[in-house]
Amino acid sequence: MKKWLLVLAFVIIAAFASIYLFIPARLDIVQVTPVNCTTPGAYRNMATVEKWKKWWPGSSWHSNTFTFQKGNYVISKMLLNTLEINIRHEDLSINSMLHLLPTGDSTNIQWTCIYPTSLNPISRIQRYRQAIILKENMAAVLGHFKTFAEKKENIYGINIQETVFKDSFLISTKKYQATYPTVQEVYSLISDLKTYSATQQAKQTGIPIMNIMPLNPFGFQVMVALPINRSLAANGRFFNQRIPLNRFWMARVHGGDATVKEALYQFQLYIQDYHRTLMALPFQQLVTDRTTEPDTTRWITDVYVPLF
């Protein structure tokens, strides 16, 4: 009987010893998720509380606190490509670090934290199980962000596509003025192009295009062009242009001038994020005739940016 008691005691001692051997006093939790998105693009959506709401898997948030699977995640500090996030998980408050590590045009998101265990063996096992759940939750959160960030329209707010501009012959004119051009001023220039083309027996083949460029220290250059079926000689204020059949980035936007300006700004971010160089002016294709549609929310504009 004593022998069996000794064996039982040995087994119990070994079991408790294995708990301390295999479950350390602190658990280092590391979750790494690769995301097919540039680091600047990912960081802009990670470091803006308002944008968290667009990809966060939970449905509850308040200020900078987000809830997921009974845990609260509080953005406590934003650093360069790094966020400090306080995780309030069950009875613990844990500080974690989320790092965005560039890998070319992609990003590895590394989320780490230290989860303390306990001297009590039963509590130690419970904390180990909690740590597993916490790591699964961290993986789920980053998985949601991965799904969100790998769609460029989520990062930039526009659907950027590669395309070829088909109309190559253009008749153009431009104007310098102190104020931003009105719809009437733009379409007056387009009307002049249509009249001149008709006198030269040239036919319009596509939608008018436009570029508005701010000038320093003030004023704007307004350039409009009309796609036509053949080349025309320059004549006074009208000049001939031709767009090579090169590739372009293109995005269709719905809205007025503010929407188009925002699309152009997002294109600038896109160019910076992917380390490209803008070698020629972007332009707008005025799909909607703005003189006949007063509701700016119904305007359709195709924004083109040369791809090099």
C-alpha atoms as a PDB file:
ATOM      1  CA  MET A   1       0.000   0.000   0.000  1.00  0.00           C
ATOM      2  CA  LYS A   2       2.811   2.356   0.924  1.00  0.00           C
ATOM      3  CA  LYS A   3       4.453   1.506  -2.378  1.00  0.00           C
ATOM      4  CA  TRP A   4       1.354   2.576  -4.317  1.00  0.00           C
ATOM      5  CA  LEU A   5       1.111   5.753  -2.277  1.00  0.00           C
ATOM      6  CA  LEU A   6       4.734   6.539  -3.089  1.00  0.00           C
ATOM      7  CA  VAL A   7       4.078   5.896  -6.779  1.00  0.00           C
ATOM      8  CA  LEU A   8       0.985   8.100  -6.677  1.00  0.00           C
ATOM      9  CA  ALA A   9       2.911  10.839  -4.891  1.00  0.00           C
ATOM     10  CA  PHE A  10       5.682  10.592  -7.467  1.00  0.00           C
ATOM     11  CA  VAL A  11       3.157  10.865 -10.326  1.00  0.00           C
ATOM     12  CA  ILE A  12       1.517  13.914  -8.737  1.00  0.00           C
ATOM     13  CA  ILE A  13       4.878  15.573  -8.146  1.00  0.00           C
ATOM     14  CA  ALA A  14       5.949  14.790 -11.726  1.00  0.00           C
ATOM     15  CA  ALA A  15       2.680  16.183 -13.076  1.00  0.00           C
ATOM     16  CA  PHE A  16       3.106  19.424 -11.164  1.00  0.00           C
ATOM     17  CA  ALA A  17       6.744  19.620 -12.172  1.00  0.00           C
ATOM     18  CA  SER A  18       5.811  19.198 -15.832  1.00  0.00           C
ATOM     19  CA  ILE A  19       3.396  22.122 -15.515  1.00  0.00           C
ATOM     20  CA  TYR A  20       6.235  24.391 -14.407  1.00  0.00           C
ATOM     21  CA  LEU A  21       8.595  22.830 -16.939  1.00  0.00           C
ATOM     22  CA  PHE A  22       6.411  23.162 -20.031  1.00  0.00           C
ATOM     23  CA  ILE A  23       4.457  26.296 -19.092  1.00  0.00           C
ATOM     24  CA  PRO A  24       6.936  29.095 -18.328  1.00  0.00           C
ATOM     25  CA  ALA A  25       6.341  31.985 -15.946  1.00  0.00           C
ATOM     26  CA  ARG A  26       5.593  34.213 -18.923  1.00  0.00           C
ATOM     27  CA  LEU A  27       4.252  33.362 -22.374  1.00  0.00           C
ATOM     28  CA  ASP A  28       5.599  35.287 -25.363  1.00  0.00           C
ATOM     29  CA  ILE A  29       2.748  35.490 -27.868  1.00  0.00           C
ATOM     30  CA  VAL A  30       3.755  36.308 -31.437  1.00  0.00           C
ATOM     31  CA  GLN A  31       1.354  36.467 -34.367  1.00  0.00           C
ATOM     32  CA  VAL A  32       2.776  37.221 -37.835  1.00  0.00           C
ATOM     33  CA  THR A  33       0.451  37.787 -40.792  1.00  0.00           C
ATOM     34  CA  PRO A  34       1.723  38.598 -44.312  1.00  0.00           C
ATOM     35  CA  VAL A  35      -0.381  41.160 -46.182  1.00  0.00           C
ATOM     36  CA  ASN A  36      -0.163  41.952 -49.891  1.00  0.00           C
ATOM     37  CA  CYS A  37      -0.213  45.708 -49.296  1.00  0.00           C
ATOM     38  CA  THR A  38       2.517  48.329 -49.048  1.00  0.00           C
ATOM     39  CA  THR A  39       3.589  49.293 -45.552  1.00  0.00           C
ATOM     40  CA  PRO A  40       2.614  52.996 -45.927  1.00  0.00           C
ATOM     41  CA  GLY A  41      -0.844  51.988 -47.176  1.00  0.00           C
ATOM     42  CA  ALA A  42      -1.300  49.493 -44.364  1.00  0.00           C
ATOM     43  CA  TYR A  43      -0.080  51.962 -41.737  1.00  0.00           C
ATOM     44  CA  ARG A  44      -2.473  54.709 -42.877  1.00  0.00           C
ATOM     45  CA  ASN A  45      -5.364  52.332 -42.227  1.00  0.00           C
ATOM     46  CA  MET A  46      -3.879  51.000 -39.004  1.00  0.00           C
ATOM     47  CA  ALA A  47      -3.006  54.387 -37.514  1.00  0.00           C
ATOM     48  CA  THR A  48      -6.386  56.048 -38.086  1.00  0.00           C
ATOM     49  CA  VAL A  49      -9.090  55.179 -35.575  1.00  0.00           C
ATOM     50  CA  GLU A  50     -11.878  56.045 -38.018  1.00  0.00           C
ATOM     51  CA  LYS A  51     -10.474  53.579 -40.556  1.00  0.00           C
ATOM     52  CA  TRP A  52     -10.287  50.801 -37.969  1.00  0.00           C
ATOM     53  CA  LYS A  53     -14.067  50.767 -38.003  1.00  0.00           C
ATOM     54  CA  LYS A  54     -14.011  49.735 -41.675  1.00  0.00           C
ATOM     55  CA  TRP A  55     -12.041  46.533 -41.161  1.00  0.00           C
ATOM     56  CA  TRP A  56     -12.408  45.661 -37.456  1.00  0.00           C
ATOM     57  CA  PRO A  57     -14.071  42.217 -37.077  1.00  0.00           C
ATOM     58  CA  GLY A  58     -16.058  43.195 -34.005  1.00  0.00           C
ATOM     59  CA  SER A  59     -19.207  45.285 -34.093  1.00  0.00           C
ATOM     60  CA  SER A  60     -18.560  47.356 -30.976  1.00  0.00           C
ATOM     61  CA  TRP A  61     -16.201  50.285 -30.470  1.00  0.00           C
ATOM     62  CA  HIS A  62     -16.007  53.522 -28.579  1.00  0.00           C
ATOM     63  CA  SER A  63     -13.434  56.243 -29.188  1.00  0.00           C
ATOM     64  CA  ASN A  64     -10.130  54.326 -29.499  1.00  0.00           C
ATOM     65  CA  THR A  65     -11.405  51.145 -27.806  1.00  0.00           C
ATOM     66  CA  PHE A  66     -12.500  48.169 -29.928  1.00  0.00           C
ATOM     67  CA  THR A  67     -14.209  44.989 -28.724  1.00  0.00           C
ATOM     68  CA  PHE A  68     -13.730  41.493 -30.111  1.00  0.00           C
ATOM     69  CA  GLN A  69     -14.539  38.117 -28.530  1.00  0.00           C
ATOM     70  CA  LYS A  70     -15.131  39.587 -25.050  1.00  0.00           C
ATOM     71  CA  GLY A  71     -11.788  41.395 -25.118  1.00  0.00           C
ATOM     72  CA  ASN A  72     -11.109  45.124 -25.403  1.00  0.00           C
ATOM     73  CA  TYR A  73      -8.330  46.482 -27.591  1.00  0.00           C
ATOM     74  CA  VAL A  74      -7.237  50.057 -26.875  1.00  0.00           C
ATOM     75  CA  ILE A  75      -4.908  51.976 -29.194  1.00  0.00           C
ATOM     76  CA  SER A  76      -2.630  53.651 -26.649  1.00  0.00           C
ATOM     77  CA  LYS A  77       0.155  55.048 -28.836  1.00  0.00           C
ATOM     78  CA  MET A  78       1.017  55.410 -32.527  1.00  0.00           C
ATOM     79  CA  LEU A  79       4.670  55.380 -33.584  1.00  0.00           C
ATOM     80  CA  LEU A  80       6.406  55.028 -36.938  1.00  0.00           C
ATOM     81  CA  ASN A  81       5.043  51.785 -38.448  1.00  0.00           C
ATOM     82  CA  THR A  82       4.253  50.664 -34.901  1.00  0.00           C
ATOM     83  CA  LEU A  83       1.184  50.741 -32.686  1.00  0.00           C
ATOM     84  CA  GLU A  84       0.985  50.146 -28.964  1.00  0.00           C
ATOM     85  CA  ILE A  85      -2.255  48.337 -28.155  1.00  0.00           C
ATOM     86  CA  ASN A  86      -3.488  47.584 -24.672  1.00  0.00           C
ATOM     87  CA  ILE A  87      -5.400  44.290 -24.594  1.00  0.00           C
ATOM     88  CA  ARG A  88      -7.882  43.829 -21.779  1.00  0.00           C
ATOM     89  CA  HIS A  89      -8.455  40.121 -21.839  1.00  0.00           C
ATOM     90  CA  GLU A  90     -10.587  38.578 -19.088  1.00  0.00           C
ATOM     91  CA  ASP A  91      -8.912  39.641 -15.809  1.00  0.00           C
ATOM     92  CA  LEU A  92      -5.668  40.929 -17.334  1.00  0.00           C
ATOM     93  CA  SER A  93      -4.490  44.167 -18.932  1.00  0.00           C
ATOM     94  CA  ILE A  94      -1.686  43.392 -21.387  1.00  0.00           C
ATOM     95  CA  ASN A  95       0.455  45.823 -23.367  1.00  0.00           C
ATOM     96  CA  SER A  96       1.181  44.654 -26.898  1.00  0.00           C
ATOM     97  CA  MET A  97       3.177  45.962 -29.846  1.00  0.00           C
ATOM     98  CA  LEU A  98       2.034  45.772 -33.459  1.00  0.00           C
ATOM     99  CA  HIS A  99       4.855  46.263 -35.985  1.00  0.00           C
ATOM    100  CA  LEU A 100       4.485  46.717 -39.749  1.00  0.00           C
ATOM    101  CA  LEU A 101       7.565  45.284 -41.432  1.00  0.00           C
ATOM    102  CA  PRO A 102       8.068  46.088 -45.139  1.00  0.00           C
ATOM    103  CA  THR A 103       8.869  43.237 -47.527  1.00  0.00           C
ATOM    104  CA  GLY A 104       9.026  44.944 -50.926  1.00  0.00           C
ATOM    105  CA  ASP A 105       5.500  45.944 -51.942  1.00  0.00           C
ATOM    106  CA  SER A 106       4.059  43.762 -49.179  1.00  0.00           C
ATOM    107  CA  THR A 107       4.026  43.892 -45.391  1.00  0.00           C
ATOM    108  CA  ASN A 108       4.494  41.437 -42.553  1.00  0.00           C
ATOM    109  CA  ILE A 109       2.380  42.482 -39.581  1.00  0.00           C
ATOM    110  CA  GLN A 110       3.914  41.238 -36.330  1.00  0.00           C
ATOM    111  CA  TRP A 111       1.799  41.482 -33.187  1.00  0.00           C
ATOM    112  CA  THR A 112       3.520  40.552 -29.926  1.00  0.00           C
ATOM    113  CA  CYS A 113       2.704  40.590 -26.235  1.00  0.00           C
ATOM    114  CA  ILE A 114       3.829  38.988 -22.995  1.00  0.00           C
ATOM    115  CA  TYR A 115       1.174  37.006 -21.124  1.00  0.00           C
ATOM    116  CA  PRO A 116       2.048  36.325 -17.454  1.00  0.00           C
ATOM    117  CA  THR A 117       1.122  33.002 -15.932  1.00  0.00           C
ATOM    118  CA  SER A 118       0.964  32.203 -12.190  1.00  0.00           C
ATOM    119  CA  LEU A 119       2.733  30.309  -9.444  1.00  0.00           C
ATOM    120  CA  ASN A 120      -0.477  28.442  -8.753  1.00  0.00           C
ATOM    121  CA  PRO A 121      -0.407  25.352 -11.035  1.00  0.00           C
ATOM    122  CA  ILE A 122      -4.146  25.407 -11.704  1.00  0.00           C
ATOM    123  CA  SER A 123      -4.059  29.118 -12.563  1.00  0.00           C
ATOM    124  CA  ARG A 124      -0.967  28.463 -14.673  1.00  0.00           C
ATOM    125  CA  ILE A 125      -2.892  25.991 -16.835  1.00  0.00           C
ATOM    126  CA  GLN A 126      -5.840  28.389 -17.086  1.00  0.00           C
ATOM    127  CA  ARG A 127      -3.536  31.216 -18.176  1.00  0.00           C
ATOM    128  CA  TYR A 128      -1.976  28.945 -20.800  1.00  0.00           C
ATOM    129  CA  ARG A 129      -5.402  28.193 -22.244  1.00  0.00           C
ATOM    130  CA  GLN A 130      -6.275  31.899 -22.161  1.00  0.00           C
ATOM    131  CA  ALA A 131      -3.049  32.684 -24.000  1.00  0.00           C
ATOM    132  CA  ILE A 132      -4.006  30.237 -26.765  1.00  0.00           C
ATOM    133  CA  ILE A 133      -7.398  31.950 -27.114  1.00  0.00           C
ATOM    134  CA  LEU A 134      -5.718  35.372 -27.143  1.00  0.00           C
ATOM    135  CA  LYS A 135      -3.333  34.339 -29.926  1.00  0.00           C
ATOM    136  CA  GLU A 136      -6.282  32.966 -31.941  1.00  0.00           C
ATOM    137  CA  ASN A 137      -8.103  36.281 -31.479  1.00  0.00           C
ATOM    138  CA  MET A 138      -5.042  38.246 -32.594  1.00  0.00           C
ATOM    139  CA  ALA A 139      -4.791  36.016 -35.668  1.00  0.00           C
ATOM    140  CA  ALA A 140      -8.484  36.582 -36.419  1.00  0.00           C
ATOM    141  CA  VAL A 141      -8.126  40.366 -36.137  1.00  0.00           C
ATOM    142  CA  LEU A 142      -5.122  40.439 -38.457  1.00  0.00           C
ATOM    143  CA  GLY A 143      -6.885  38.052 -40.820  1.00  0.00           C
ATOM    144  CA  HIS A 144      -9.734  40.551 -41.151  1.00  0.00           C
ATOM    145  CA  PHE A 145      -7.257  43.332 -41.846  1.00  0.00           C
ATOM    146  CA  LYS A 146      -5.505  41.177 -44.448  1.00  0.00           C
ATOM    147  CA  THR A 147      -8.784  40.602 -46.306  1.00  0.00           C
ATOM    148  CA  PHE A 148      -9.506  44.332 -46.167  1.00  0.00           C
ATOM    149  CA  ALA A 149      -6.038  45.627 -47.084  1.00  0.00           C
ATOM    150  CA  GLU A 150      -5.428  43.315 -50.035  1.00  0.00           C
ATOM    151  CA  LYS A 151      -8.164  45.154 -51.965  1.00  0.00           C
ATOM    152  CA  LYS A 152      -6.641  48.395 -53.264  1.00  0.00           C
ATOM    153  CA  GLU A 153     -10.019  50.127 -53.354  1.00  0.00           C
ATOM    154  CA  ASN A 154     -10.163  49.763 -49.556  1.00  0.00           C
ATOM    155  CA  ILE A 155      -6.739  51.334 -49.088  1.00  0.00           C
ATOM    156  CA  TYR A 156      -7.136  54.173 -51.590  1.00  0.00           C
ATOM    157  CA  GLY A 157     -10.899  54.584 -51.797  1.00  0.00           C
ATOM    158  CA  ILE A 158     -10.884  54.195 -55.585  1.00  0.00           C
ATOM    159  CA  ASN A 159     -10.811  51.192 -57.890  1.00  0.00           C
ATOM    160  CA  ILE A 160      -7.463  51.570 -59.682  1.00  0.00           C
ATOM    161  CA  GLN A 161      -7.109  49.630 -62.925  1.00  0.00           C
ATOM    162  CA  GLU A 162      -4.473  49.428 -65.641  1.00  0.00           C
ATOM    163  CA  THR A 163      -5.735  50.327 -69.080  1.00  0.00           C
ATOM    164  CA  VAL A 164      -4.798  51.828 -72.461  1.00  0.00           C
ATOM    165  CA  PHE A 165      -6.177  55.178 -73.609  1.00  0.00           C
ATOM    166  CA  LYS A 166      -7.634  54.421 -77.025  1.00  0.00           C
ATOM    167  CA  ASP A 167      -8.107  57.882 -78.577  1.00  0.00           C
ATOM    168  CA  SER A 168      -4.742  59.071 -79.848  1.00  0.00           C
ATOM    169  CA  PHE A 169      -5.504  62.217 -81.928  1.00  0.00           C
ATOM    170  CA  LEU A 170      -6.454  65.294 -79.914  1.00  0.00           C
ATOM    171  CA  ILE A 171      -7.152  68.917 -80.661  1.00  0.00           C
ATOM    172  CA  SER A 172      -6.434  71.033 -77.587  1.00  0.00           C
ATOM    173  CA  THR A 173      -6.563  74.491 -76.140  1.00  0.00           C
ATOM    174  CA  LYS A 174      -5.657  76.002 -72.799  1.00  0.00           C
ATOM    175  CA  LYS A 175      -6.372  79.060 -70.717  1.00  0.00           C
ATOM    176  CA  TYR A 176      -4.791  80.753 -67.722  1.00  0.00           C
ATOM    177  CA  GLN A 177      -7.015  82.327 -65.091  1.00  0.00           C
ATOM    178  CA  ALA A 178      -6.860  83.535 -61.519  1.00  0.00           C
ATOM    179  CA  THR A 179      -9.748  81.443 -60.166  1.00  0.00           C
ATOM    180  CA  TYR A 180     -10.681  77.786 -60.353  1.00  0.00           C
ATOM    181  CA  PRO A 181     -12.642  77.249 -63.600  1.00  0.00           C
ATOM    182  CA  THR A 182     -16.402  76.920 -63.510  1.00  0.00           C
ATOM    183  CA  VAL A 183     -18.354  74.305 -65.468  1.00  0.00           C
ATOM    184  CA  GLN A 184     -19.398  77.009 -67.933  1.00  0.00           C
ATOM    185  CA  GLU A 185     -15.799  78.100 -68.509  1.00  0.00           C
ATOM    186  CA  VAL A 186     -14.617  74.535 -69.123  1.00  0.00           C
ATOM    187  CA  TYR A 187     -17.411  73.716 -71.544  1.00  0.00           C
ATOM    188  CA  SER A 188     -16.951  77.018 -73.362  1.00  0.00           C
ATOM    189  CA  LEU A 189     -13.433  75.831 -74.241  1.00  0.00           C
ATOM    190  CA  ILE A 190     -14.787  72.430 -75.277  1.00  0.00           C
ATOM    191  CA  SER A 191     -17.386  74.145 -77.487  1.00  0.00           C
ATOM    192  CA  ASP A 192     -14.604  76.121 -79.177  1.00  0.00           C
ATOM    193  CA  LEU A 193     -12.785  72.852 -79.926  1.00  0.00           C
ATOM    194  CA  LYS A 194     -15.912  71.285 -81.394  1.00  0.00           C
ATOM    195  CA  THR A 195     -16.500  74.302 -83.626  1.00  0.00           C
ATOM    196  CA  TYR A 196     -12.911  74.371 -84.860  1.00  0.00           C
ATOM    197  CA  SER A 197     -12.882  70.604 -85.524  1.00  0.00           C
ATOM    198  CA  ALA A 198     -16.076  70.852 -87.534  1.00  0.00           C
ATOM    199  CA  THR A 199     -14.603  73.601 -89.733  1.00  0.00           C
ATOM    200  CA  GLN A 200     -11.660  71.271 -90.431  1.00  0.00           C
ATOM    201  CA  GLN A 201     -13.909  68.296 -91.298  1.00  0.00           C
ATOM    202  CA  ALA A 202     -12.627  66.329 -88.313  1.00  0.00           C
ATOM    203  CA  LYS A 203     -15.025  64.128 -86.357  1.00  0.00           C
ATOM    204  CA  GLN A 204     -15.177  63.765 -82.594  1.00  0.00           C
ATOM    205  CA  THR A 205     -14.348  60.182 -81.621  1.00  0.00           C
ATOM    206  CA  GLY A 206     -14.463  60.226 -77.853  1.00  0.00           C
ATOM    207  CA  ILE A 207     -15.230  62.015 -74.621  1.00  0.00           C
ATOM    208  CA  PRO A 208     -13.623  65.406 -73.865  1.00  0.00           C
ATOM    209  CA  ILE A 209     -10.705  65.406 -71.458  1.00  0.00           C
ATOM    210  CA  MET A 210      -9.416  68.072 -69.093  1.00  0.00           C
ATOM    211  CA  ASN A 211      -6.497  68.919 -66.842  1.00  0.00           C
ATOM    212  CA  ILE A 212      -6.558  71.707 -64.263  1.00  0.00           C
ATOM    213  CA  MET A 213      -3.129  72.563 -62.875  1.00  0.00           C
ATOM    214  CA  PRO A 214      -2.534  75.017 -60.018  1.00  0.00           C
ATOM    215  CA  LEU A 215       0.106  77.626 -60.785  1.00  0.00           C
ATOM    216  CA  ASN A 216       2.507  79.233 -58.332  1.00  0.00           C
ATOM    217  CA  PRO A 217       2.090  81.655 -56.715  1.00  0.00           C
ATOM    218  CA  PHE A 218      -1.581  81.717 -57.753  1.00  0.00           C
ATOM    219  CA  GLY A 219      -3.986  80.944 -60.576  1.00  0.00           C
ATOM    220  CA  PHE A 220      -4.729  77.888 -62.706  1.00  0.00           C
ATOM    221  CA  GLN A 221      -3.915  76.501 -66.125  1.00  0.00           C
ATOM    222  CA  VAL A 222      -6.991  74.933 -67.710  1.00  0.00           C
ATOM    223  CA  MET A 223      -6.308  72.563 -70.607  1.00  0.00           C
ATOM    224  CA  VAL A 224      -9.054  70.752 -72.490  1.00  0.00           C
ATOM    225  CA  ALA A 225      -8.820  68.397 -75.422  1.00  0.00           C
ATOM    226  CA  LEU A 226     -11.200  66.712 -77.827  1.00  0.00           C
ATOM    227  CA  PRO A 227     -10.474  63.263 -79.326  1.00  0.00           C
ATOM    228  CA  ILE A 228     -10.823  63.396 -83.132  1.00  0.00           C
ATOM    229  CA  ASN A 229     -10.338  61.021 -86.031  1.00  0.00           C
ATOM    230  CA  ARG A 230      -7.262  62.669 -87.572  1.00  0.00           C
ATOM    231  CA  SER A 231      -4.439  65.038 -86.878  1.00  0.00           C
ATOM    232  CA  LEU A 232      -5.078  68.755 -87.326  1.00  0.00           C
ATOM    233  CA  ALA A 233      -2.506  71.465 -87.811  1.00  0.00           C
ATOM    234  CA  ALA A 234      -2.026  74.017 -85.065  1.00  0.00           C
ATOM    235  CA  ASN A 235      -3.969  77.227 -85.578  1.00  0.00           C
ATOM    236  CA  GLY A 236      -3.659  80.105 -83.148  1.00  0.00           C
ATOM    237  CA  ARG A 237      -5.005  79.031 -79.770  1.00  0.00           C
ATOM    238  CA  PHE A 238      -5.659  75.481 -80.986  1.00  0.00           C
ATOM    239  CA  PHE A 239      -2.843  72.942 -81.058  1.00  0.00           C
ATOM    240  CA  ASN A 240      -2.503  69.327 -82.011  1.00  0.00           C
ATOM    241  CA  GLN A 241      -1.677  66.607 -79.484  1.00  0.00           C
ATOM    242  CA  ARG A 242      -1.375  62.882 -79.557  1.00  0.00           C
ATOM    243  CA  ILE A 243      -1.471  60.515 -76.625  1.00  0.00           C
ATOM    244  CA  PRO A 244       0.790  57.498 -77.184  1.00  0.00           C
ATOM    245  CA  LEU A 245      -0.967  54.184 -76.676  1.00  0.00           C
ATOM    246  CA  ASN A 246       0.764  53.697 -73.372  1.00  0.00           C
ATOM    247  CA  ARG A 247      -0.633  52.105 -70.256  1.00  0.00           C
ATOM    248  CA  PHE A 248      -2.444  54.210 -67.712  1.00  0.00           C
ATOM    249  CA  TRP A 249      -3.799  53.863 -64.233  1.00  0.00           C
ATOM    250  CA  MET A 250      -7.481  54.691 -64.357  1.00  0.00           C
ATOM    251  CA  ALA A 251     -10.236  55.081 -61.781  1.00  0.00           C
ATOM    252  CA  ARG A 252     -13.887  55.972 -62.325  1.00  0.00           C
ATOM    253  CA  VAL A 253     -15.297  58.291 -59.681  1.00  0.00           C
ATOM    254  CA  HIS A 254     -18.806  59.539 -58.986  1.00  0.00           C
ATOM    255  CA  GLY A 255     -19.151  63.081 -57.677  1.00  0.00           C
ATOM    256  CA  GLY A 256     -18.069  66.678 -58.150  1.00  0.00           C
ATOM    257  CA  ASP A 257     -14.711  68.441 -58.136  1.00  0.00           C
ATOM    258  CA  ALA A 258     -13.976  67.541 -54.516  1.00  0.00           C
ATOM    259  CA  THR A 259     -14.368  63.834 -55.315  1.00  0.00           C
ATOM    260  CA  VAL A 260     -12.040  64.127 -58.317  1.00  0.00           C
ATOM    261  CA  LYS A 261      -9.443  66.028 -56.252  1.00  0.00           C
ATOM    262  CA  GLU A 262      -9.562  63.306 -53.604  1.00  0.00           C
ATOM    263  CA  ALA A 263      -9.052  60.646 -56.314  1.00  0.00           C
ATOM    264  CA  LEU A 264      -6.023  62.547 -57.639  1.00  0.00           C
ATOM    265  CA  TYR A 265      -4.642  62.761 -54.095  1.00  0.00           C
ATOM    266  CA  GLN A 266      -5.103  59.012 -53.623  1.00  0.00           C
ATOM    267  CA  PHE A 267      -3.260  58.455 -56.915  1.00  0.00           C
ATOM    268  CA  GLN A 268      -0.366  60.496 -55.494  1.00  0.00           C
ATOM    269  CA  LEU A 269      -0.294  58.233 -52.441  1.00  0.00           C
ATOM    270  CA  TYR A 270      -0.436  55.170 -54.696  1.00  0.00           C
ATOM    271  CA  ILE A 271       2.541  56.449 -56.719  1.00  0.00           C
ATOM    272  CA  GLN A 272       4.510  57.158 -53.530  1.00  0.00           C
ATOM    273  CA  ASP A 273       3.641  53.811 -51.951  1.00  0.00           C
ATOM    274  CA  TYR A 274       4.827  51.844 -54.984  1.00  0.00           C
ATOM    275  CA  HIS A 275       7.855  54.088 -55.636  1.00  0.00           C
ATOM    276  CA  ARG A 276       6.757  55.109 -59.107  1.00  0.00           C
ATOM    277  CA  THR A 277       7.416  58.434 -60.878  1.00  0.00           C
ATOM    278  CA  LEU A 278       4.757  60.657 -62.422  1.00  0.00           C
ATOM    279  CA  MET A 279       6.267  61.549 -65.813  1.00  0.00           C
ATOM    280  CA  ALA A 280       3.251  63.273 -67.394  1.00  0.00           C
ATOM    281  CA  LEU A 281       0.148  65.130 -66.302  1.00  0.00           C
ATOM    282  CA  PRO A 282      -2.921  63.179 -65.204  1.00  0.00           C
ATOM    283  CA  PHE A 283      -6.188  64.097 -66.865  1.00  0.00           C
ATOM    284  CA  GLN A 284      -9.930  63.736 -66.417  1.00  0.00           C
ATOM    285  CA  GLN A 285     -12.312  62.277 -68.968  1.00  0.00           C
ATOM    286  CA  LEU A 286     -15.666  64.027 -68.552  1.00  0.00           C
ATOM    287  CA  VAL A 287     -18.045  61.102 -69.002  1.00  0.00           C
ATOM    288  CA  THR A 288     -21.060  63.116 -67.809  1.00  0.00           C
ATOM    289  CA  ASP A 289     -21.966  66.321 -69.653  1.00  0.00           C
ATOM    290  CA  ARG A 290     -21.883  68.625 -66.651  1.00  0.00           C
ATOM    291  CA  THR A 291     -23.818  71.365 -68.420  1.00  0.00           C
ATOM    292  CA  THR A 292     -26.913  69.152 -68.555  1.00  0.00           C
ATOM    293  CA  GLU A 293     -26.587  67.500 -65.117  1.00  0.00           C
ATOM    294  CA  PRO A 294     -26.759  69.978 -62.208  1.00  0.00           C
ATOM    295  CA  ASP A 295     -26.546  67.242 -59.544  1.00  0.00           C
ATOM    296  CA  THR A 296     -22.804  66.812 -58.906  1.00  0.00           C
ATOM    297  CA  THR A 297     -23.351  63.480 -57.116  1.00  0.00           C
ATOM    298  CA  ARG A 298     -24.372  62.043 -60.485  1.00  0.00           C
ATOM    299  CA  TRP A 299     -21.284  63.202 -62.347  1.00  0.00           C
ATOM    300  CA  ILE A 300     -19.058  60.421 -63.666  1.00  0.00           C
ATOM    301  CA  THR A 301     -15.385  61.141 -64.309  1.00  0.00           C
ATOM    302  CA  ASP A 302     -12.613  58.803 -65.430  1.00  0.00           C
ATOM    303  CA  VAL A 303      -9.277  59.862 -63.952  1.00  0.00           C
ATOM    304  CA  TYR A 304      -6.182  58.793 -65.925  1.00  0.00           C
ATOM    305  CA  VAL A 305      -2.600  58.762 -64.660  1.00  0.00           C
ATOM    306  CA  PRO A 306       0.291  57.778 -67.000  1.00  0.00           C
ATOM    307  CA  LEU A 307       1.919  54.493 -65.966  1.00  0.00           C
ATOM    308  CA  PHE A 308       5.721  54.322 -66.162  1.00  0.00           C
END
